[in-house]
Amino acid sequence: MMPPDVATPAALGGLALGYALGSIPFGLILTRFAGLGDVRAIGSGNIGATNVLRTGRKGLAAATLLGDALKGTAAVLIARQFLGEGPALAAGLGAFLGHLFPVWLGFKGGKGVATFIGVLLAFSPPALAAFAAIWLGLAFALKYSSLAALAASAATPLVLWALGAPTQALLFLLLGLLLWWKHAPNIRRLVAGSEGRIGQKG
């Protein structure tokens, strides 16, 4: 059942708040401050933590992952505190859309894995634990960040449904579909055997 405040002006406020926070490009900002230039010029051209890792700077990659995740968490928690549960759902969607399509970068952003994680943390730590277990297991075994993320994101709506959170499951079904769409080039490279592995420099 949908929260009663999921389609209200407050929800639009939550969506806007989430988009504003989600559109902060931490990977680009941090690599530029570190004197590494534009991270979009290396590897996959993505602004996310996996591509930042290809610079060889693990600390910057970790900081990017943390920033991209926590902006999603912050959006949901702020919206929930001041606007309600429906606007919190909208804020989670907004944060994800902001990361994927930031106005500051001509609507060309990241692929959303870290922000997906951050939004999931705000809604369901147990579901995040399941996501992490799947991601870590596959990433350790196969060394493909994209494949691990795709599998974990596909499982997330099912986990949320099993935990008795159908509304959140629907939200993460939508986020997962967007994540898979943004990973279409990765999927093609995985099929072709040319996808970059974790730790591989650009």
C-alpha atoms as a PDB file:
ATOM      1  CA  MET A   1       0.000   0.000   0.000  1.00  0.00           C
ATOM      2  CA  MET A   2       1.307   3.436  -0.973  1.00  0.00           C
ATOM      3  CA  PRO A   3       1.851   6.032   1.786  1.00  0.00           C
ATOM      4  CA  PRO A   4      -0.944   8.649   1.757  1.00  0.00           C
ATOM      5  CA  ASP A   5       1.535  11.487   1.104  1.00  0.00           C
ATOM      6  CA  VAL A   6       3.302   9.944  -1.895  1.00  0.00           C
ATOM      7  CA  ALA A   7       1.565  12.189  -4.477  1.00  0.00           C
ATOM      8  CA  THR A   8       1.420  15.601  -2.801  1.00  0.00           C
ATOM      9  CA  PRO A   9       3.251  18.937  -3.034  1.00  0.00           C
ATOM     10  CA  ALA A  10       5.426  17.650  -0.194  1.00  0.00           C
ATOM     11  CA  ALA A  11       6.421  14.714  -2.364  1.00  0.00           C
ATOM     12  CA  LEU A  12       7.420  17.105  -5.125  1.00  0.00           C
ATOM     13  CA  GLY A  13       9.529  18.897  -2.546  1.00  0.00           C
ATOM     14  CA  GLY A  14      11.127  15.597  -1.601  1.00  0.00           C
ATOM     15  CA  LEU A  15      11.805  14.839  -5.246  1.00  0.00           C
ATOM     16  CA  ALA A  16      13.441  18.240  -5.743  1.00  0.00           C
ATOM     17  CA  LEU A  17      15.502  17.899  -2.563  1.00  0.00           C
ATOM     18  CA  GLY A  18      16.675  14.461  -3.623  1.00  0.00           C
ATOM     19  CA  TYR A  19      17.585  15.645  -7.103  1.00  0.00           C
ATOM     20  CA  ALA A  20      19.598  18.586  -5.757  1.00  0.00           C
ATOM     21  CA  LEU A  21      21.625  16.363  -3.440  1.00  0.00           C
ATOM     22  CA  GLY A  22      21.922  13.497  -5.900  1.00  0.00           C
ATOM     23  CA  SER A  23      23.304  15.720  -8.636  1.00  0.00           C
ATOM     24  CA  ILE A  24      26.480  16.556  -6.674  1.00  0.00           C
ATOM     25  CA  PRO A  25      29.253  14.846  -8.748  1.00  0.00           C
ATOM     26  CA  PHE A  26      31.645  13.762  -6.000  1.00  0.00           C
ATOM     27  CA  GLY A  27      33.891  11.714  -8.300  1.00  0.00           C
ATOM     28  CA  LEU A  28      34.490  14.661 -10.604  1.00  0.00           C
ATOM     29  CA  ILE A  29      34.970  17.149  -7.759  1.00  0.00           C
ATOM     30  CA  LEU A  30      37.378  14.974  -5.768  1.00  0.00           C
ATOM     31  CA  THR A  31      39.585  13.982  -8.700  1.00  0.00           C
ATOM     32  CA  ARG A  32      39.868  17.576  -9.851  1.00  0.00           C
ATOM     33  CA  PHE A  33      40.809  18.758  -6.365  1.00  0.00           C
ATOM     34  CA  ALA A  34      43.429  15.988  -6.302  1.00  0.00           C
ATOM     35  CA  GLY A  35      44.974  17.347  -9.505  1.00  0.00           C
ATOM     36  CA  LEU A  36      43.999  14.351 -11.624  1.00  0.00           C
ATOM     37  CA  GLY A  37      41.985  16.263 -14.189  1.00  0.00           C
ATOM     38  CA  ASP A  38      38.645  15.111 -15.530  1.00  0.00           C
ATOM     39  CA  VAL A  39      37.862  11.520 -14.506  1.00  0.00           C
ATOM     40  CA  ARG A  40      35.525  11.295 -17.497  1.00  0.00           C
ATOM     41  CA  ALA A  41      38.604  11.203 -19.747  1.00  0.00           C
ATOM     42  CA  ILE A  42      39.756   7.769 -18.492  1.00  0.00           C
ATOM     43  CA  GLY A  43      38.422   4.233 -18.338  1.00  0.00           C
ATOM     44  CA  SER A  44      34.677   4.025 -18.828  1.00  0.00           C
ATOM     45  CA  GLY A  45      34.253   7.806 -18.741  1.00  0.00           C
ATOM     46  CA  ASN A  46      32.007   7.439 -15.716  1.00  0.00           C
ATOM     47  CA  ILE A  47      32.126   9.762 -12.677  1.00  0.00           C
ATOM     48  CA  GLY A  48      31.577   6.958 -10.157  1.00  0.00           C
ATOM     49  CA  ALA A  49      33.877   5.218  -7.702  1.00  0.00           C
ATOM     50  CA  THR A  50      34.803   2.287  -9.965  1.00  0.00           C
ATOM     51  CA  ASN A  51      36.193   4.618 -12.599  1.00  0.00           C
ATOM     52  CA  VAL A  52      37.896   6.806  -9.986  1.00  0.00           C
ATOM     53  CA  LEU A  53      39.635   3.624  -8.796  1.00  0.00           C
ATOM     54  CA  ARG A  54      41.206   3.358 -12.260  1.00  0.00           C
ATOM     55  CA  THR A  55      43.290   6.427 -11.405  1.00  0.00           C
ATOM     56  CA  GLY A  56      45.096   4.221  -8.896  1.00  0.00           C
ATOM     57  CA  ARG A  57      43.938   6.371  -5.981  1.00  0.00           C
ATOM     58  CA  LYS A  58      42.045   4.021  -3.689  1.00  0.00           C
ATOM     59  CA  GLY A  59      41.373   6.729  -1.119  1.00  0.00           C
ATOM     60  CA  LEU A  60      39.696   8.933  -3.707  1.00  0.00           C
ATOM     61  CA  ALA A  61      37.621   6.009  -4.938  1.00  0.00           C
ATOM     62  CA  ALA A  62      36.495   5.258  -1.383  1.00  0.00           C
ATOM     63  CA  ALA A  63      35.640   8.918  -0.781  1.00  0.00           C
ATOM     64  CA  THR A  64      33.650   9.003  -4.026  1.00  0.00           C
ATOM     65  CA  LEU A  65      31.744   5.875  -3.051  1.00  0.00           C
ATOM     66  CA  LEU A  66      30.971   7.334   0.358  1.00  0.00           C
ATOM     67  CA  GLY A  67      29.875  10.707  -0.992  1.00  0.00           C
ATOM     68  CA  ASP A  68      27.699   9.238  -3.738  1.00  0.00           C
ATOM     69  CA  ALA A  69      26.068   6.870  -1.257  1.00  0.00           C
ATOM     70  CA  LEU A  70      25.491   9.321   1.583  1.00  0.00           C
ATOM     71  CA  LYS A  71      23.874  11.924  -0.635  1.00  0.00           C
ATOM     72  CA  GLY A  72      21.135   9.358  -1.260  1.00  0.00           C
ATOM     73  CA  THR A  73      20.881   8.508   2.422  1.00  0.00           C
ATOM     74  CA  ALA A  74      20.755  12.173   3.402  1.00  0.00           C
ATOM     75  CA  ALA A  75      18.024  12.961   0.885  1.00  0.00           C
ATOM     76  CA  VAL A  76      15.750  10.230   2.247  1.00  0.00           C
ATOM     77  CA  LEU A  77      16.375  10.976   5.922  1.00  0.00           C
ATOM     78  CA  ILE A  78      15.872  14.735   5.554  1.00  0.00           C
ATOM     79  CA  ALA A  79      12.666  14.274   3.568  1.00  0.00           C
ATOM     80  CA  ARG A  80      11.342  11.724   6.043  1.00  0.00           C
ATOM     81  CA  GLN A  81      12.112  13.969   9.014  1.00  0.00           C
ATOM     82  CA  PHE A  82      10.454  17.087   7.657  1.00  0.00           C
ATOM     83  CA  LEU A  83       7.976  15.911   5.021  1.00  0.00           C
ATOM     84  CA  GLY A  84       6.920  12.298   5.689  1.00  0.00           C
ATOM     85  CA  GLU A  85       7.340   8.793   4.318  1.00  0.00           C
ATOM     86  CA  GLY A  86       5.848   9.422   0.870  1.00  0.00           C
ATOM     87  CA  PRO A  87       8.178  12.383   0.228  1.00  0.00           C
ATOM     88  CA  ALA A  88      11.046  10.232   1.504  1.00  0.00           C
ATOM     89  CA  LEU A  89      10.307   7.735  -1.263  1.00  0.00           C
ATOM     90  CA  ALA A  90      10.223  10.612  -3.751  1.00  0.00           C
ATOM     91  CA  ALA A  91      13.509  11.923  -2.373  1.00  0.00           C
ATOM     92  CA  GLY A  92      15.135   8.543  -2.913  1.00  0.00           C
ATOM     93  CA  LEU A  93      13.978   8.556  -6.516  1.00  0.00           C
ATOM     94  CA  GLY A  94      15.115  12.167  -6.913  1.00  0.00           C
ATOM     95  CA  ALA A  95      18.589  11.437  -5.530  1.00  0.00           C
ATOM     96  CA  PHE A  96      19.011   8.547  -7.939  1.00  0.00           C
ATOM     97  CA  LEU A  97      17.818  10.615 -10.908  1.00  0.00           C
ATOM     98  CA  GLY A  98      20.080  13.464  -9.851  1.00  0.00           C
ATOM     99  CA  HIS A  99      23.109  11.192  -9.881  1.00  0.00           C
ATOM    100  CA  LEU A 100      22.210   9.693 -13.252  1.00  0.00           C
ATOM    101  CA  PHE A 101      21.182  12.978 -14.873  1.00  0.00           C
ATOM    102  CA  PRO A 102      22.878  15.940 -13.117  1.00  0.00           C
ATOM    103  CA  VAL A 103      21.958  19.288 -14.624  1.00  0.00           C
ATOM    104  CA  TRP A 104      25.484  20.568 -13.911  1.00  0.00           C
ATOM    105  CA  LEU A 105      27.027  18.014 -16.268  1.00  0.00           C
ATOM    106  CA  GLY A 106      24.564  18.294 -19.129  1.00  0.00           C
ATOM    107  CA  PHE A 107      22.473  15.464 -17.642  1.00  0.00           C
ATOM    108  CA  LYS A 108      25.367  13.009 -18.145  1.00  0.00           C
ATOM    109  CA  GLY A 109      26.111  11.472 -14.759  1.00  0.00           C
ATOM    110  CA  GLY A 110      27.042   8.208 -13.143  1.00  0.00           C
ATOM    111  CA  LYS A 111      25.447   4.794 -13.258  1.00  0.00           C
ATOM    112  CA  GLY A 112      23.902   4.921  -9.826  1.00  0.00           C
ATOM    113  CA  VAL A 113      25.284   1.990  -7.849  1.00  0.00           C
ATOM    114  CA  ALA A 114      26.594   3.978  -4.875  1.00  0.00           C
ATOM    115  CA  THR A 115      23.494   6.167  -4.714  1.00  0.00           C
ATOM    116  CA  PHE A 116      21.313   3.051  -4.958  1.00  0.00           C
ATOM    117  CA  ILE A 117      23.215   1.735  -1.928  1.00  0.00           C
ATOM    118  CA  GLY A 118      22.786   4.981  -0.013  1.00  0.00           C
ATOM    119  CA  VAL A 119      19.049   5.148  -0.614  1.00  0.00           C
ATOM    120  CA  LEU A 120      18.740   1.485   0.370  1.00  0.00           C
ATOM    121  CA  LEU A 121      20.622   2.177   3.610  1.00  0.00           C
ATOM    122  CA  ALA A 122      18.040   4.803   4.555  1.00  0.00           C
ATOM    123  CA  PHE A 123      15.104   2.486   3.913  1.00  0.00           C
ATOM    124  CA  SER A 124      16.297  -0.981   4.905  1.00  0.00           C
ATOM    125  CA  PRO A 125      19.675  -1.880   6.425  1.00  0.00           C
ATOM    126  CA  PRO A 126      18.781  -5.616   6.254  1.00  0.00           C
ATOM    127  CA  ALA A 127      18.170  -5.344   2.510  1.00  0.00           C
ATOM    128  CA  LEU A 128      21.446  -3.459   2.191  1.00  0.00           C
ATOM    129  CA  ALA A 129      23.209  -6.311   3.986  1.00  0.00           C
ATOM    130  CA  ALA A 130      21.808  -8.719   1.383  1.00  0.00           C
ATOM    131  CA  PHE A 131      22.898  -6.402  -1.422  1.00  0.00           C
ATOM    132  CA  ALA A 132      26.398  -6.172   0.048  1.00  0.00           C
ATOM    133  CA  ALA A 133      26.692  -9.942   0.439  1.00  0.00           C
ATOM    134  CA  ILE A 134      25.747 -10.529  -3.188  1.00  0.00           C
ATOM    135  CA  TRP A 135      27.955  -7.726  -4.489  1.00  0.00           C
ATOM    136  CA  LEU A 136      31.005  -8.673  -2.446  1.00  0.00           C
ATOM    137  CA  GLY A 137      30.705 -12.369  -3.255  1.00  0.00           C
ATOM    138  CA  LEU A 138      30.477 -11.842  -7.000  1.00  0.00           C
ATOM    139  CA  ALA A 139      33.004  -9.005  -7.098  1.00  0.00           C
ATOM    140  CA  PHE A 140      35.555 -11.070  -5.167  1.00  0.00           C
ATOM    141  CA  ALA A 141      34.994 -14.149  -7.283  1.00  0.00           C
ATOM    142  CA  LEU A 142      34.737 -12.578 -10.735  1.00  0.00           C
ATOM    143  CA  LYS A 143      36.377  -9.107 -10.375  1.00  0.00           C
ATOM    144  CA  TYR A 144      33.590  -7.422 -12.315  1.00  0.00           C
ATOM    145  CA  SER A 145      32.032  -4.533 -10.406  1.00  0.00           C
ATOM    146  CA  SER A 146      29.281  -4.069 -12.983  1.00  0.00           C
ATOM    147  CA  LEU A 147      28.164  -7.705 -12.952  1.00  0.00           C
ATOM    148  CA  ALA A 148      28.112  -7.773  -9.166  1.00  0.00           C
ATOM    149  CA  ALA A 149      26.054  -4.585  -9.036  1.00  0.00           C
ATOM    150  CA  LEU A 150      23.586  -5.799 -11.650  1.00  0.00           C
ATOM    151  CA  ALA A 151      22.964  -9.051  -9.773  1.00  0.00           C
ATOM    152  CA  ALA A 152      22.633  -7.323  -6.389  1.00  0.00           C
ATOM    153  CA  SER A 153      20.268  -4.662  -7.709  1.00  0.00           C
ATOM    154  CA  ALA A 154      18.072  -7.294  -9.360  1.00  0.00           C
ATOM    155  CA  ALA A 155      17.780  -9.153  -6.059  1.00  0.00           C
ATOM    156  CA  THR A 156      16.965  -6.060  -3.981  1.00  0.00           C
ATOM    157  CA  PRO A 157      13.235  -5.709  -4.824  1.00  0.00           C
ATOM    158  CA  LEU A 158      12.741  -9.394  -4.040  1.00  0.00           C
ATOM    159  CA  VAL A 159      14.510  -9.010  -0.703  1.00  0.00           C
ATOM    160  CA  LEU A 160      12.409  -5.960   0.206  1.00  0.00           C
ATOM    161  CA  TRP A 161       9.222  -7.793  -0.750  1.00  0.00           C
ATOM    162  CA  ALA A 162      10.245 -10.737   1.413  1.00  0.00           C
ATOM    163  CA  LEU A 163      10.908  -8.317   4.287  1.00  0.00           C
ATOM    164  CA  GLY A 164       7.346  -6.999   4.047  1.00  0.00           C
ATOM    165  CA  ALA A 165       8.096  -3.673   2.338  1.00  0.00           C
ATOM    166  CA  PRO A 166       6.216  -3.805  -0.980  1.00  0.00           C
ATOM    167  CA  THR A 167       6.206  -0.027  -1.568  1.00  0.00           C
ATOM    168  CA  GLN A 168       9.945   0.141  -1.141  1.00  0.00           C
ATOM    169  CA  ALA A 169      10.260  -2.929  -3.350  1.00  0.00           C
ATOM    170  CA  LEU A 170       8.447  -1.052  -6.126  1.00  0.00           C
ATOM    171  CA  LEU A 171      10.753   1.936  -5.722  1.00  0.00           C
ATOM    172  CA  PHE A 172      13.838  -0.259  -5.982  1.00  0.00           C
ATOM    173  CA  LEU A 173      12.384  -2.128  -8.932  1.00  0.00           C
ATOM    174  CA  LEU A 174      12.255   1.232 -10.722  1.00  0.00           C
ATOM    175  CA  LEU A 175      15.738   2.195  -9.551  1.00  0.00           C
ATOM    176  CA  GLY A 176      17.039  -1.205 -10.600  1.00  0.00           C
ATOM    177  CA  LEU A 177      15.583  -0.887 -14.092  1.00  0.00           C
ATOM    178  CA  LEU A 178      17.235   2.515 -14.466  1.00  0.00           C
ATOM    179  CA  LEU A 179      20.510   1.092 -13.166  1.00  0.00           C
ATOM    180  CA  TRP A 180      20.399  -1.756 -15.681  1.00  0.00           C
ATOM    181  CA  TRP A 181      19.610   0.700 -18.481  1.00  0.00           C
ATOM    182  CA  LYS A 182      22.613   2.854 -17.534  1.00  0.00           C
ATOM    183  CA  HIS A 183      24.758  -0.282 -17.501  1.00  0.00           C
ATOM    184  CA  ALA A 184      23.799  -1.310 -21.057  1.00  0.00           C
ATOM    185  CA  PRO A 185      27.357  -0.656 -22.363  1.00  0.00           C
ATOM    186  CA  ASN A 186      28.769  -2.733 -19.490  1.00  0.00           C
ATOM    187  CA  ILE A 187      26.397  -5.560 -20.311  1.00  0.00           C
ATOM    188  CA  ARG A 188      27.553  -5.523 -23.923  1.00  0.00           C
ATOM    189  CA  ARG A 189      31.191  -5.567 -22.823  1.00  0.00           C
ATOM    190  CA  LEU A 190      30.519  -8.397 -20.378  1.00  0.00           C
ATOM    191  CA  VAL A 191      29.014 -10.446 -23.186  1.00  0.00           C
ATOM    192  CA  ALA A 192      31.976  -9.607 -25.420  1.00  0.00           C
ATOM    193  CA  GLY A 193      34.523 -10.355 -22.676  1.00  0.00           C
ATOM    194  CA  SER A 194      35.985  -6.841 -22.793  1.00  0.00           C
ATOM    195  CA  GLU A 195      34.610  -5.353 -19.567  1.00  0.00           C
ATOM    196  CA  GLY A 196      37.203  -3.757 -17.293  1.00  0.00           C
ATOM    197  CA  ARG A 197      37.946  -5.553 -14.059  1.00  0.00           C
ATOM    198  CA  ILE A 198      38.112  -4.120 -10.555  1.00  0.00           C
ATOM    199  CA  GLY A 199      41.451  -2.418  -9.954  1.00  0.00           C
ATOM    200  CA  GLN A 200      42.293  -2.145 -13.632  1.00  0.00           C
ATOM    201  CA  LYS A 201      43.742   1.292 -14.404  1.00  0.00           C
ATOM    202  CA  GLY A 202      42.400   3.449 -17.175  1.00  0.00           C
END
